[in-house]
Amino acid sequence: MTPIKIDLLINSQWIIPIVPEDEILHNCALAVDKDRILGIFPQAEANQRFLARRVDHLDQHILMPGLINSHGHAAMSLLRGYADDLALEPWLQDHIWPAEKLFVSEQFVQDGTRLSIAEMIKTGTTCFADMYFFHDSIAEEVRNAGIRSQIGFTVLDFPTAFGKDADDYIHKGLAFRDLWNGHPLIKVACAPHAPYSVSNEALKKISTYANELDMPIHMHCHETANEVRESIERYGVKPLQRLNDLGILVPQTQLVHMTQITDDDIALLQEHQCHVMHCPESNLKLASGFCPISKLIDHGINVAIGTDSAASNNDLDLFSELKTASLLAKAVSGDPSSLNAHAALRMATINGAKALGWDEDIGSLEKGKYADMIAIKIDSVGQQPLYNAASQLVYTNSGPQVSHSWVAGKLLMEDRELRTINETNLIRTTKAWRIKIQAGA
């Protein structure tokens, strides 16, 4: 049989394809041609079947789909550590929003987004959902780096450096969508900031556009007990019920945090097939509360995972987030079997892809999907011995062990070296921002 010419063949000691669930393959090879996966085969068979332009031998590695960070504000990495150890409201109102008023610009967003993308690639993320301002600057950085992103255009009632009111944000966001819609690396979502910062009138408009354009809605919701209490005082209902009354709850709605929820709230999520974006470390750091993800999963609700921004986390290592999520789920539910290692990995891969409407193309190593993948080198002292590859990924320090990253078959990192971002220049630029922000604060 004449070997089939392909672009890439990766021989790996372990492969976790995510689909089928709970499967770990040993000594297999993954074949890629152009930007798509051809399949996974035993190594001996693959090396006879294919003639690859490039062959990688990853003998101490786990190969798996790239991680999907389902919520963040990438540009805010420039505010990492700027205002720590505060509750959400004073953190936002007394520190973050004033700093943003002083410093947010196209350049701030460009440089901060590049910093976040570099960190995410180096810790295993190949796709992220973002929510911020100056969306074209975000999109340019995504395209230049070769990573994948859902970019949400933020909507607020009050003015910022980017917009003057809700109508202005929506107008600019829809123009951004028209410009970037159909780009292979980018999806566009509408991202009303939160129920308490967007009016009924604006939310009704967003609902109309989301339905007419089949556009995702990405929104903070039920983040704190105070948010829920104030909504009841002001509107007579909880935030989620208000969103439902205004038509915001649709199957493409992505609700971030959801730490304060009851059985009635869960019933609304079920009815409208909404997705929940869980950000455990940010929730813990801001003492916002605990999202009952085991209960959500038991009720058939899709739960993805995100880091939130580096300003409230303070890192973008999604493997670290997975460990925290798994341990927290066990403590909250009182069940040590809650959110086992494979379930946690699904949250950061296929669940994230489903939430972003990308599950036909990414989130698992299946034939026909884009070759969005990472390799993790399991050779450190703290990762020995290895009995179960999935457990090792979730419960040990895996982020810094990511060695390779591909998006659509293109190498973004090889042996820990970024291929599309200059780290030396990036660190120099970031230090200059720190000096500027400290001097102007």
Protein backbone atom coordinates (compact mmCIF):
# COMPACT_ATOMS: atom_id res chain seq x y z
CA MET A 1 0.00 0.00 0.00
CA THR A 2 1.36 3.40 -0.97
CA PRO A 3 1.62 5.67 2.08
CA ILE A 4 -0.70 8.68 2.13
CA LYS A 5 1.12 12.00 2.14
CA ILE A 6 0.06 14.23 5.05
CA ASP A 7 1.35 17.28 6.87
CA LEU A 8 1.88 16.03 10.41
CA LEU A 9 2.08 12.82 12.42
CA ILE A 10 2.41 12.99 16.21
CA ASN A 11 3.48 9.88 18.09
CA SER A 12 2.59 10.27 21.77
CA GLN A 13 2.90 8.01 24.80
CA TRP A 14 -0.62 8.94 25.94
CA ILE A 15 -3.52 10.53 24.07
CA ILE A 16 -6.70 11.73 25.77
CA PRO A 17 -9.16 12.42 22.94
CA ILE A 18 -12.01 13.58 25.29
CA VAL A 19 -14.51 11.94 22.92
CA PRO A 20 -15.17 9.07 23.58
CA GLU A 21 -15.44 9.97 27.26
CA ASP A 22 -12.95 8.69 29.86
CA GLU A 23 -10.61 7.16 27.27
CA ILE A 24 -6.82 7.16 27.52
CA LEU A 25 -4.86 5.78 24.57
CA HIS A 26 -1.30 4.44 24.87
CA ASN A 27 1.44 4.60 22.25
CA CYS A 28 -0.79 5.93 19.50
CA ALA A 29 -0.31 8.53 16.77
CA LEU A 30 -2.52 11.38 15.61
CA ALA A 31 -2.53 12.25 11.90
CA VAL A 32 -3.15 15.78 10.60
CA ASP A 33 -3.46 17.05 7.06
CA LYS A 34 -3.83 20.73 6.30
CA ASP A 35 -5.72 21.96 9.38
CA ARG A 36 -7.84 18.91 10.23
CA ILE A 37 -7.46 15.67 12.17
CA LEU A 38 -7.47 12.51 10.05
CA GLY A 39 -7.68 10.14 13.00
CA ILE A 40 -5.81 8.36 15.79
CA PHE A 41 -4.02 5.08 15.05
CA PRO A 42 -1.62 2.65 16.73
CA GLN A 43 1.85 3.99 16.10
CA ALA A 44 3.05 1.04 14.00
CA GLU A 45 -0.02 1.28 11.76
CA ALA A 46 0.22 5.06 11.42
CA ASN A 47 3.86 4.96 10.41
CA GLN A 48 3.04 2.48 7.65
CA ARG A 49 -0.14 4.20 6.51
CA PHE A 50 1.18 7.79 6.29
CA LEU A 51 4.15 9.65 4.87
CA ALA A 52 4.21 12.85 6.91
CA ARG A 53 6.02 16.05 6.04
CA ARG A 54 6.75 16.36 9.77
CA VAL A 55 6.83 13.64 12.41
CA ASP A 56 6.96 14.46 16.13
CA HIS A 57 7.95 11.83 18.69
CA LEU A 58 6.53 12.81 22.07
CA ASP A 59 7.67 9.89 24.18
CA GLN A 60 7.11 11.49 27.59
CA HIS A 61 3.96 13.40 26.74
CA ILE A 62 0.19 13.46 26.96
CA LEU A 63 -1.53 14.75 23.82
CA MET A 64 -5.01 16.21 24.22
CA PRO A 65 -7.30 18.91 22.79
CA GLY A 66 -6.28 22.48 23.51
CA LEU A 67 -7.98 23.99 26.55
CA ILE A 68 -10.84 26.47 26.15
CA ASN A 69 -10.89 29.37 28.60
CA SER A 70 -14.57 30.27 28.61
CA HIS A 71 -14.38 33.65 30.33
CA GLY A 72 -11.86 36.43 30.73
CA HIS A 73 -10.85 40.01 30.08
CA ALA A 74 -7.48 39.59 28.40
CA ALA A 75 -6.36 43.21 28.36
CA MET A 76 -6.72 43.41 32.13
CA SER A 77 -3.56 41.34 32.53
CA LEU A 78 -1.83 44.75 32.70
CA LEU A 79 -3.65 45.23 36.04
CA ARG A 80 -2.48 41.91 37.51
CA GLY A 81 -1.94 42.47 41.23
CA TYR A 82 -3.04 46.11 41.04
CA ALA A 83 -5.82 45.87 43.65
CA ASP A 84 -5.74 42.61 45.56
CA ASP A 85 -7.57 41.27 48.61
CA LEU A 86 -10.79 43.24 48.15
CA ALA A 87 -14.46 42.34 47.73
CA LEU A 88 -15.95 42.64 44.24
CA GLU A 89 -17.74 45.99 44.59
CA PRO A 90 -14.88 48.05 46.08
CA TRP A 91 -12.42 46.23 43.80
CA LEU A 92 -14.40 47.29 40.73
CA GLN A 93 -15.77 50.67 41.75
CA ASP A 94 -12.86 52.11 43.75
CA HIS A 95 -9.88 50.66 41.89
CA ILE A 96 -10.43 48.87 38.58
CA TRP A 97 -12.93 51.19 36.91
CA PRO A 98 -10.98 54.35 37.89
CA ALA A 99 -7.74 52.79 36.59
CA GLU A 100 -9.45 51.81 33.35
CA LYS A 101 -10.78 55.35 32.96
CA LEU A 102 -7.21 56.64 33.14
CA PHE A 103 -5.38 54.07 31.05
CA VAL A 104 -7.60 52.02 28.75
CA SER A 105 -6.87 52.74 25.09
CA GLU A 106 -6.30 50.80 21.91
CA GLN A 107 -2.63 50.40 22.88
CA PHE A 108 -3.51 49.22 26.39
CA VAL A 109 -5.87 46.61 24.96
CA GLN A 110 -3.40 45.50 22.31
CA ASP A 111 -0.49 45.06 24.73
CA GLY A 112 -2.57 43.54 27.54
CA THR A 113 -4.25 41.09 25.19
CA ARG A 114 -0.90 39.98 23.78
CA LEU A 115 0.38 39.38 27.32
CA SER A 116 -2.64 37.23 28.15
CA ILE A 117 -2.46 35.28 24.92
CA ALA A 118 1.20 34.45 25.56
CA GLU A 119 0.41 33.22 29.07
CA MET A 120 -2.56 31.19 27.87
CA ILE A 121 -0.61 29.50 25.08
CA LYS A 122 2.19 28.63 27.50
CA THR A 123 -0.28 26.97 29.90
CA GLY A 124 -2.33 25.04 27.35
CA THR A 125 -5.16 27.30 26.20
CA THR A 126 -5.85 27.38 22.45
CA CYS A 127 -9.22 29.18 22.55
CA PHE A 128 -10.57 31.85 24.87
CA ALA A 129 -13.73 33.89 25.36
CA ASP A 130 -13.03 37.56 25.90
CA MET A 131 -15.13 40.51 27.04
CA TYR A 132 -13.68 44.01 26.83
CA PHE A 133 -13.32 47.19 24.75
CA PHE A 134 -11.50 48.16 21.52
CA HIS A 135 -12.48 44.85 19.96
CA ASP A 136 -10.51 45.37 16.75
CA SER A 137 -7.29 45.50 18.78
CA ILE A 138 -8.23 42.19 20.42
CA ALA A 139 -9.03 40.62 17.05
CA GLU A 140 -5.72 41.76 15.57
CA GLU A 141 -3.81 40.16 18.43
CA VAL A 142 -5.81 36.93 18.08
CA ARG A 143 -5.11 36.79 14.36
CA ASN A 144 -1.41 37.58 14.77
CA ALA A 145 -0.91 34.98 17.50
CA GLY A 146 -2.92 32.29 15.69
CA ILE A 147 -5.03 31.46 18.72
CA ARG A 148 -8.83 31.10 18.60
CA SER A 149 -11.28 33.43 20.39
CA GLN A 150 -14.88 34.39 20.97
CA ILE A 151 -14.69 38.16 21.31
CA GLY A 152 -17.57 39.73 23.19
CA PHE A 153 -18.34 43.41 22.71
CA THR A 154 -19.06 44.86 26.14
CA VAL A 155 -22.26 46.85 26.71
CA LEU A 156 -22.69 49.23 29.66
CA ASP A 157 -25.07 52.05 30.52
CA PHE A 158 -22.27 54.41 31.56
CA PRO A 159 -19.42 55.95 29.52
CA THR A 160 -15.87 54.59 29.26
CA ALA A 161 -12.88 55.37 27.07
CA PHE A 162 -14.55 53.27 24.36
CA GLY A 163 -18.21 54.30 24.38
CA LYS A 164 -20.66 56.82 25.78
CA ASP A 165 -23.81 54.74 26.42
CA ALA A 166 -25.44 51.40 25.70
CA ASP A 167 -26.56 52.36 22.19
CA ASP A 168 -23.03 53.46 21.31
CA TYR A 169 -21.51 50.17 22.57
CA ILE A 170 -24.11 48.14 20.64
CA HIS A 171 -23.58 50.16 17.44
CA LYS A 172 -19.79 49.72 17.62
CA GLY A 173 -20.15 46.05 18.51
CA LEU A 174 -22.42 45.25 15.57
CA ALA A 175 -20.01 47.05 13.21
CA PHE A 176 -17.21 44.92 14.66
CA ARG A 177 -19.28 41.79 14.07
CA ASP A 178 -19.89 42.77 10.43
CA LEU A 179 -16.15 43.23 9.92
CA TRP A 180 -14.92 39.99 11.54
CA ASN A 181 -17.87 37.63 11.08
CA GLY A 182 -16.73 34.48 9.29
CA HIS A 183 -13.05 34.71 10.28
CA PRO A 184 -11.86 31.14 10.97
CA LEU A 185 -10.29 32.03 14.34
CA ILE A 186 -12.91 34.46 15.63
CA LYS A 187 -16.53 34.38 16.77
CA VAL A 188 -18.32 37.51 17.95
CA ALA A 189 -20.67 37.68 20.95
CA CYS A 190 -22.65 40.45 22.58
CA ALA A 191 -21.41 40.90 26.14
CA PRO A 192 -23.68 43.03 28.34
CA HIS A 193 -21.55 43.49 31.43
CA ALA A 194 -24.04 42.46 34.12
CA PRO A 195 -27.72 42.85 35.03
CA TYR A 196 -26.90 45.70 37.43
CA SER A 197 -24.96 47.71 34.81
CA VAL A 198 -27.30 47.41 31.80
CA SER A 199 -30.85 48.80 31.59
CA ASN A 200 -34.01 46.98 30.58
CA GLU A 201 -34.18 48.95 27.34
CA ALA A 202 -30.66 47.98 26.33
CA LEU A 203 -31.20 44.33 27.28
CA LYS A 204 -34.33 44.17 25.12
CA LYS A 205 -32.32 45.44 22.15
CA ILE A 206 -29.61 42.88 22.83
CA SER A 207 -32.23 40.12 22.95
CA THR A 208 -33.56 41.18 19.55
CA TYR A 209 -30.13 41.23 17.94
CA ALA A 210 -29.12 37.92 19.54
CA ASN A 211 -32.20 36.20 18.14
CA GLU A 212 -32.06 37.82 14.69
CA LEU A 213 -28.33 37.16 14.24
CA ASP A 214 -28.11 33.91 16.26
CA MET A 215 -25.42 35.72 18.25
CA PRO A 216 -24.14 34.46 21.62
CA ILE A 217 -24.82 36.50 24.76
CA HIS A 218 -21.97 36.46 27.29
CA MET A 219 -22.77 38.04 30.66
CA HIS A 220 -21.79 38.13 34.34
CA CYS A 221 -24.77 37.01 36.41
CA HIS A 222 -25.57 36.10 40.03
CA GLU A 223 -21.94 36.75 40.93
CA THR A 224 -22.59 37.88 44.52
CA ALA A 225 -25.36 37.73 47.10
CA ASN A 226 -25.47 41.53 47.09
CA GLU A 227 -26.19 41.58 43.35
CA VAL A 228 -29.19 39.31 43.87
CA ARG A 229 -30.44 41.29 46.88
CA GLU A 230 -30.21 44.66 45.09
CA SER A 231 -32.04 43.28 42.04
CA ILE A 232 -34.94 42.14 44.23
CA GLU A 233 -35.05 45.58 45.89
CA ARG A 234 -34.91 47.47 42.58
CA TYR A 235 -36.85 45.24 40.18
CA GLY A 236 -38.81 42.90 42.44
CA VAL A 237 -37.13 39.79 40.98
CA LYS A 238 -33.74 38.13 40.97
CA PRO A 239 -31.34 38.97 38.10
CA LEU A 240 -31.90 35.67 36.29
CA GLN A 241 -35.69 36.07 36.34
CA ARG A 242 -35.32 39.63 35.07
CA LEU A 243 -33.13 38.41 32.21
CA ASN A 244 -35.72 35.78 31.40
CA ASP A 245 -38.50 38.37 31.35
CA LEU A 246 -36.45 40.50 28.92
CA GLY A 247 -35.73 37.62 26.54
CA ILE A 248 -32.01 37.30 27.32
CA LEU A 249 -32.13 33.60 28.24
CA VAL A 250 -31.69 31.69 24.98
CA PRO A 251 -29.72 28.54 24.06
CA GLN A 252 -26.69 30.62 23.09
CA THR A 253 -26.60 32.51 26.41
CA GLN A 254 -23.41 32.11 28.45
CA LEU A 255 -23.81 33.09 32.11
CA VAL A 256 -20.62 33.75 34.05
CA HIS A 257 -20.08 32.98 37.77
CA MET A 258 -23.61 31.97 38.94
CA THR A 259 -22.54 31.55 42.54
CA GLN A 260 -25.94 32.39 44.07
CA ILE A 261 -28.54 30.06 42.57
CA THR A 262 -31.56 28.09 43.76
CA ASP A 263 -33.58 25.24 42.31
CA ASP A 264 -35.84 27.80 40.58
CA ASP A 265 -32.79 29.34 38.89
CA ILE A 266 -31.62 25.91 37.77
CA ALA A 267 -35.05 25.24 36.28
CA LEU A 268 -34.76 28.44 34.21
CA LEU A 269 -31.31 27.39 32.97
CA GLN A 270 -32.68 23.99 32.01
CA GLU A 271 -35.71 25.44 30.26
CA HIS A 272 -33.65 27.76 28.07
CA GLN A 273 -30.59 25.49 27.67
CA CYS A 274 -28.22 28.20 28.85
CA HIS A 275 -24.54 27.58 29.57
CA VAL A 276 -22.69 28.37 32.80
CA MET A 277 -19.10 29.66 32.77
CA HIS A 278 -17.51 28.65 36.07
CA CYS A 279 -14.61 30.80 37.40
CA PRO A 280 -13.70 29.17 40.71
CA GLU A 281 -10.43 30.93 41.56
CA SER A 282 -11.78 34.42 40.85
CA ASN A 283 -14.91 33.60 42.86
CA LEU A 284 -12.76 32.43 45.76
CA LYS A 285 -10.37 35.39 45.64
CA LEU A 286 -13.21 37.93 45.62
CA ALA A 287 -15.21 35.86 48.16
CA SER A 288 -18.15 35.94 45.75
CA GLY A 289 -19.49 32.50 46.61
CA PHE A 290 -19.59 28.95 45.32
CA CYS A 291 -21.17 27.79 42.07
CA PRO A 292 -22.83 24.38 42.68
CA ILE A 293 -21.47 22.83 39.51
CA SER A 294 -22.13 19.22 40.51
CA LYS A 295 -25.81 20.04 40.89
CA LEU A 296 -25.84 21.90 37.57
CA ILE A 297 -24.20 18.97 35.78
CA ASP A 298 -26.65 16.53 37.40
CA HIS A 299 -29.48 18.63 35.93
CA GLY A 300 -28.01 18.45 32.43
CA ILE A 301 -26.70 22.02 32.29
CA ASN A 302 -23.52 22.53 30.29
CA VAL A 303 -20.77 23.91 32.54
CA ALA A 304 -17.56 25.30 31.05
CA ILE A 305 -14.64 26.84 32.92
CA GLY A 306 -12.80 30.16 32.76
CA THR A 307 -10.11 32.01 34.63
CA ASP A 308 -11.69 35.49 34.61
CA SER A 309 -9.04 38.22 34.26
CA ALA A 310 -5.52 38.17 35.65
CA ALA A 311 -6.59 41.21 37.67
CA SER A 312 -8.86 39.03 39.81
CA ASN A 313 -7.22 35.62 39.68
CA ASN A 314 -4.11 36.37 39.24
CA ASP A 315 -3.06 33.89 36.56
CA LEU A 316 -4.54 32.42 33.39
CA ASP A 317 -3.40 28.83 33.95
CA LEU A 318 -6.50 26.78 33.16
CA PHE A 319 -4.97 23.58 34.52
CA SER A 320 -4.69 25.30 37.90
CA GLU A 321 -8.33 26.33 37.53
CA LEU A 322 -9.33 22.71 36.86
CA LYS A 323 -7.68 21.49 40.04
CA THR A 324 -9.41 24.18 42.08
CA ALA A 325 -12.75 23.44 40.40
CA SER A 326 -12.50 19.73 41.09
CA LEU A 327 -11.50 20.13 44.73
CA LEU A 328 -14.14 22.80 45.31
CA ALA A 329 -16.87 20.66 43.73
CA LYS A 330 -16.03 17.86 46.14
CA ALA A 331 -16.11 20.18 49.16
CA VAL A 332 -19.35 21.95 48.17
CA SER A 333 -21.19 18.72 47.32
CA GLY A 334 -19.70 16.66 50.15
CA ASP A 335 -18.96 13.96 47.60
CA PRO A 336 -15.30 13.10 46.82
CA SER A 337 -16.34 11.56 43.50
CA SER A 338 -17.78 14.88 42.24
CA LEU A 339 -16.12 16.33 39.14
CA ASN A 340 -13.57 13.58 38.65
CA ALA A 341 -10.50 14.18 36.49
CA HIS A 342 -12.13 13.25 33.18
CA ALA A 343 -15.20 15.41 33.93
CA ALA A 344 -12.93 18.33 34.78
CA LEU A 345 -11.04 17.95 31.50
CA ARG A 346 -14.36 17.94 29.63
CA MET A 347 -15.24 21.28 31.24
CA ALA A 348 -12.11 22.82 29.71
CA THR A 349 -12.49 21.20 26.29
CA ILE A 350 -15.73 19.88 24.78
CA ASN A 351 -17.98 21.71 27.27
CA GLY A 352 -16.27 24.99 26.49
CA ALA A 353 -16.56 24.31 22.77
CA LYS A 354 -20.27 23.56 23.16
CA ALA A 355 -20.84 26.77 25.14
CA LEU A 356 -19.14 28.82 22.42
CA GLY A 357 -20.99 27.02 19.62
CA TRP A 358 -17.73 25.56 18.32
CA ASP A 359 -18.16 21.92 19.31
CA GLU A 360 -18.45 20.65 15.72
CA ASP A 361 -14.92 21.91 15.07
CA ILE A 362 -12.91 21.85 18.31
CA GLY A 363 -12.94 20.47 21.86
CA SER A 364 -11.96 16.87 21.13
CA LEU A 365 -9.48 14.94 19.00
CA GLU A 366 -12.02 13.53 16.54
CA LYS A 367 -11.67 12.89 12.83
CA GLY A 368 -12.60 15.97 10.83
CA LYS A 369 -12.13 18.49 13.63
CA TYR A 370 -9.52 21.23 13.57
CA ALA A 371 -6.14 20.14 14.89
CA ASP A 372 -6.30 22.32 18.02
CA MET A 373 -4.14 20.38 20.46
CA ILE A 374 -1.54 20.57 23.18
CA ALA A 375 1.19 18.26 24.45
CA ILE A 376 2.11 18.13 28.13
CA LYS A 377 5.50 16.68 29.08
CA ILE A 378 5.13 14.49 32.15
CA ASP A 379 8.74 14.18 33.28
CA SER A 380 9.01 16.34 36.40
CA VAL A 381 9.65 14.96 39.87
CA GLY A 382 6.25 16.21 41.04
CA GLN A 383 4.50 14.17 38.34
CA GLN A 384 6.07 10.81 39.12
CA PRO A 385 4.93 8.07 39.17
CA LEU A 386 2.10 8.19 36.64
CA TYR A 387 -0.79 5.75 37.10
CA ASN A 388 -3.58 7.70 35.41
CA ALA A 389 -2.84 10.35 32.80
CA ALA A 390 -6.11 12.25 33.33
CA SER A 391 -5.62 12.48 37.09
CA GLN A 392 -2.05 13.61 36.60
CA LEU A 393 -3.19 16.48 34.37
CA VAL A 394 -5.82 17.74 36.80
CA TYR A 395 -4.19 17.22 40.18
CA THR A 396 -0.51 18.05 39.54
CA ASN A 397 1.11 21.26 38.31
CA SER A 398 0.50 20.70 34.59
CA GLY A 399 0.29 24.23 33.13
CA PRO A 400 4.06 24.90 33.15
CA GLN A 401 4.61 21.42 31.67
CA VAL A 402 2.79 22.21 28.40
CA SER A 403 5.47 21.83 25.74
CA HIS A 404 3.64 22.17 22.41
CA SER A 405 0.53 23.94 21.16
CA TRP A 406 -1.18 23.78 17.78
CA VAL A 407 -4.22 25.61 16.42
CA ALA A 408 -5.61 24.31 13.12
CA GLY A 409 -2.39 22.32 12.77
CA LYS A 410 -0.17 25.40 13.12
CA LEU A 411 2.49 25.34 15.84
CA LEU A 412 2.06 28.19 18.30
CA MET A 413 4.60 26.81 20.77
CA GLU A 414 7.34 24.21 20.42
CA ASP A 415 9.38 22.94 23.39
CA ARG A 416 8.09 25.85 25.51
CA GLU A 417 9.19 28.46 22.94
CA LEU A 418 6.43 30.68 21.54
CA ARG A 419 6.43 30.74 17.77
CA THR A 420 4.13 33.74 17.13
CA ILE A 421 4.93 36.12 20.01
CA ASN A 422 8.28 37.67 20.96
CA GLU A 423 8.50 37.14 24.72
CA THR A 424 11.45 39.50 25.26
CA ASN A 425 9.65 42.42 23.64
CA LEU A 426 6.43 41.51 25.43
CA ILE A 427 8.05 41.63 28.89
CA ARG A 428 9.73 44.94 28.06
CA THR A 429 6.39 46.45 26.99
CA THR A 430 4.63 45.14 30.09
CA LYS A 431 7.23 46.64 32.42
CA ALA A 432 6.74 50.02 30.73
CA TRP A 433 2.98 49.80 31.41
CA ARG A 434 3.61 48.95 35.07
CA ILE A 435 5.76 52.08 35.47
CA LYS A 436 3.13 54.22 33.72
CA ILE A 437 0.21 52.86 35.76
CA GLN A 438 2.05 53.15 39.07
CA ALA A 439 3.02 56.74 38.32
CA GLY A 440 -0.52 57.71 37.27
CA ALA A 441 -2.46 55.92 39.98
